[in-house]
N, C-alpha and C. Protein backbone atom coordinates (compact mmCIF):
# COMPACT_ATOMS: atom_id res chain seq x y z
N MET A 1 1.09 -8.33 4.40
CA MET A 1 0.17 -9.34 4.28
C MET A 1 -1.51 -9.79 4.09
N ILE A 2 -2.05 -8.93 4.76
CA ILE A 2 -3.41 -8.22 4.27
C ILE A 2 -3.51 -8.22 3.14
N VAL A 3 -2.78 -7.60 2.46
CA VAL A 3 -2.89 -6.88 0.66
C VAL A 3 -2.55 -7.54 -0.04
N GLU A 4 -1.64 -8.71 0.28
CA GLU A 4 -1.17 -9.29 -0.85
C GLU A 4 -1.78 -10.63 -0.53
N ALA A 5 -2.99 -10.50 0.51
CA ALA A 5 -4.11 -11.89 0.16
C ALA A 5 -4.34 -11.72 -0.51
N PHE A 6 -5.17 -10.77 -0.76
CA PHE A 6 -5.88 -10.35 -2.00
C PHE A 6 -5.44 -10.20 -3.61
N ASP A 7 -5.64 -12.01 -4.20
CA ASP A 7 -4.10 -12.19 -5.16
C ASP A 7 -4.41 -11.18 -6.02
N GLY A 8 -3.44 -10.59 -6.54
CA GLY A 8 -3.09 -9.56 -7.28
C GLY A 8 -3.52 -8.45 -7.32
N LEU A 9 -3.97 -8.33 -6.19
CA LEU A 9 -4.78 -6.68 -6.29
C LEU A 9 -3.37 -5.67 -6.05
N ALA A 10 -2.51 -6.17 -4.84
CA ALA A 10 -1.35 -5.40 -5.22
C ALA A 10 -0.12 -6.42 -4.40
N VAL A 11 1.26 -5.28 -4.79
CA VAL A 11 2.71 -6.04 -4.13
C VAL A 11 2.96 -4.48 -3.01
N VAL A 12 3.30 -5.03 -1.93
CA VAL A 12 3.62 -4.14 -0.64
C VAL A 12 5.07 -4.18 -0.40
N ARG A 13 5.07 -3.40 -0.85
CA ARG A 13 6.93 -3.23 -0.71
C ARG A 13 7.38 -1.68 0.36
N SER A 14 8.77 -2.05 0.86
CA SER A 14 8.89 -0.92 1.79
C SER A 14 10.38 -0.72 2.03
N LEU A 15 11.14 0.62 1.89
CA LEU A 15 12.70 0.57 1.74
C LEU A 15 13.32 -0.56 3.00
N THR A 16 12.39 0.25 3.77
CA THR A 16 13.60 -0.85 5.01
C THR A 16 12.51 -0.87 6.59
N SER A 17 12.71 -1.97 7.31
CA SER A 17 11.68 -2.20 8.22
C SER A 17 12.00 -1.16 9.25
N ALA A 18 12.92 -0.53 9.02
CA ALA A 18 13.84 1.04 10.58
C ALA A 18 11.95 2.13 10.19
N ARG A 19 12.21 2.00 8.83
CA ARG A 19 11.08 3.36 8.60
C ARG A 19 9.55 2.91 8.77
N GLY A 20 8.22 3.76 8.81
CA GLY A 20 6.72 2.94 8.37
C GLY A 20 6.25 3.35 7.31
N GLU A 21 6.88 3.66 6.39
CA GLU A 21 6.61 4.20 4.62
C GLU A 21 6.26 2.67 3.83
N ILE A 22 5.22 2.71 3.43
CA ILE A 22 4.28 1.27 2.54
C ILE A 22 4.27 1.76 1.41
N GLU A 23 4.05 1.31 -0.04
CA GLU A 23 3.81 0.97 -1.06
C GLU A 23 3.41 0.19 -1.21
N TRP A 24 2.02 0.67 -2.60
CA TRP A 24 1.50 -0.34 -3.22
C TRP A 24 1.43 0.29 -3.90
N ILE A 25 1.89 -1.63 -5.12
CA ILE A 25 2.12 -1.15 -6.37
C ILE A 25 0.90 -2.21 -7.03
N ILE A 26 0.16 -1.67 -7.58
CA ILE A 26 -1.24 -1.84 -7.19
C ILE A 26 -1.02 -2.59 -9.32
N GLY A 27 -2.19 -3.87 -9.15
CA GLY A 27 -2.75 -4.33 -10.11
C GLY A 27 -3.33 -3.50 -10.71
N GLU A 28 -2.85 -3.88 -12.51
CA GLU A 28 -3.43 -2.78 -13.43
C GLU A 28 -5.22 -3.45 -13.12
N GLY A 29 -6.62 -2.51 -13.77
CA GLY A 29 -7.69 -2.11 -13.42
C GLY A 29 -8.18 -2.57 -12.02
N LEU A 30 -7.11 -2.50 -10.96
CA LEU A 30 -7.64 -2.68 -9.95
C LEU A 30 -8.30 -1.49 -8.38
N GLU A 31 -8.18 -0.78 -9.40
CA GLU A 31 -7.71 1.14 -8.23
C GLU A 31 -9.04 0.85 -7.45
N SER A 32 -10.01 0.90 -8.08
CA SER A 32 -11.37 0.84 -7.37
C SER A 32 -10.92 -0.47 -5.98
N GLU A 33 -10.75 -1.44 -6.07
CA GLU A 33 -10.86 -2.14 -5.20
C GLU A 33 -9.61 -2.62 -4.75
N ALA A 34 -8.55 -1.76 -4.94
CA ALA A 34 -7.26 -1.56 -3.77
C ALA A 34 -8.05 0.22 -2.75
N ASP A 35 -8.32 0.43 -3.28
CA ASP A 35 -9.14 2.14 -2.81
C ASP A 35 -10.49 1.06 -1.09
N LEU A 36 -11.26 0.37 -1.45
CA LEU A 36 -11.45 -0.03 -0.42
C LEU A 36 -11.38 -0.85 -0.26
N VAL A 37 -10.12 -1.75 -0.29
CA VAL A 37 -9.08 -2.66 1.30
C VAL A 37 -8.68 -1.00 1.71
N ALA A 38 -7.62 0.05 1.23
CA ALA A 38 -7.18 0.85 1.68
C ALA A 38 -8.17 1.85 2.74
N GLN A 39 -9.37 1.70 2.45
CA GLN A 39 -9.84 2.40 3.17
C GLN A 39 -10.70 1.10 4.54
N ARG A 40 -11.00 0.59 4.10
CA ARG A 40 -11.26 -0.80 5.10
C ARG A 40 -9.94 -0.56 6.12
N LEU A 41 -8.85 -0.96 6.12
CA LEU A 41 -7.81 -1.27 6.67
C LEU A 41 -7.57 0.41 7.27
N ALA A 42 -7.46 1.62 6.72
CA ALA A 42 -7.64 3.05 7.79
C ALA A 42 -8.91 2.70 8.98
N THR A 43 -9.89 1.93 8.61
CA THR A 43 -10.66 2.13 9.68
C THR A 43 -10.05 1.25 10.33
N LEU A 44 -9.40 0.30 10.12
CA LEU A 44 -9.33 -1.14 11.64
C LEU A 44 -7.75 -0.98 11.81
N THR A 45 -7.13 -0.02 11.26
CA THR A 45 -5.68 -0.06 11.30
C THR A 45 -4.80 1.56 11.63
N GLY A 46 -5.37 2.06 11.13
CA GLY A 46 -5.02 3.35 11.36
C GLY A 46 -4.19 3.65 10.76
N LEU A 47 -3.89 3.15 9.16
CA LEU A 47 -3.36 2.99 8.06
C LEU A 47 -3.90 4.73 7.44
N CYS A 48 -3.07 4.71 6.77
CA CYS A 48 -3.56 6.35 6.07
C CYS A 48 -2.36 6.96 4.91
N PRO A 49 -2.74 7.50 4.22
CA PRO A 49 -1.50 7.93 3.45
C PRO A 49 -1.32 9.19 2.99
N ILE A 50 0.21 8.96 2.85
CA ILE A 50 1.20 10.81 3.16
C ILE A 50 1.46 10.60 1.97
N GLU A 51 2.96 11.64 1.46
CA GLU A 51 2.73 12.60 0.19
C GLU A 51 4.28 11.17 0.28
N ARG A 52 4.43 11.07 -1.37
CA ARG A 52 5.97 10.60 -1.63
C ARG A 52 6.99 10.87 -1.05
N PRO A 53 7.64 10.63 0.18
CA PRO A 53 8.65 10.95 0.76
C PRO A 53 10.35 11.54 -0.38
N ALA A 54 10.31 12.64 -0.22
CA ALA A 54 11.82 12.81 -0.65
C ALA A 54 12.79 11.56 -2.06
N ASP A 55 13.21 11.28 -1.08
CA ASP A 55 14.47 9.74 -0.84
C ASP A 55 13.60 8.73 -1.53
N TRP A 56 12.44 8.69 -1.85
CA TRP A 56 11.66 6.73 -1.87
C TRP A 56 12.39 7.12 -3.30
N GLN A 57 12.84 5.47 -3.41
CA GLN A 57 13.50 5.20 -4.90
C GLN A 57 12.17 3.67 -5.57
N ASP A 58 12.11 4.47 -6.63
CA ASP A 58 11.48 4.40 -7.93
C ASP A 58 11.95 2.55 -8.34
N LEU A 59 10.52 1.75 -8.78
CA LEU A 59 11.47 0.71 -9.52
C LEU A 59 12.02 0.71 -10.16
């Protein structure tokens, strides 16, 4: 909800609620802003990037 509150920044999805992985689908041209939000969330919550899981399904 935090990421999606930044209008147009990104859509967040996960494959299932049982997994802790999420994906940000970032709006065109908003990569820098998304990086700033991710850095702040990492500081506040421990959010961290991971390699894409092999079983992740593309949209």
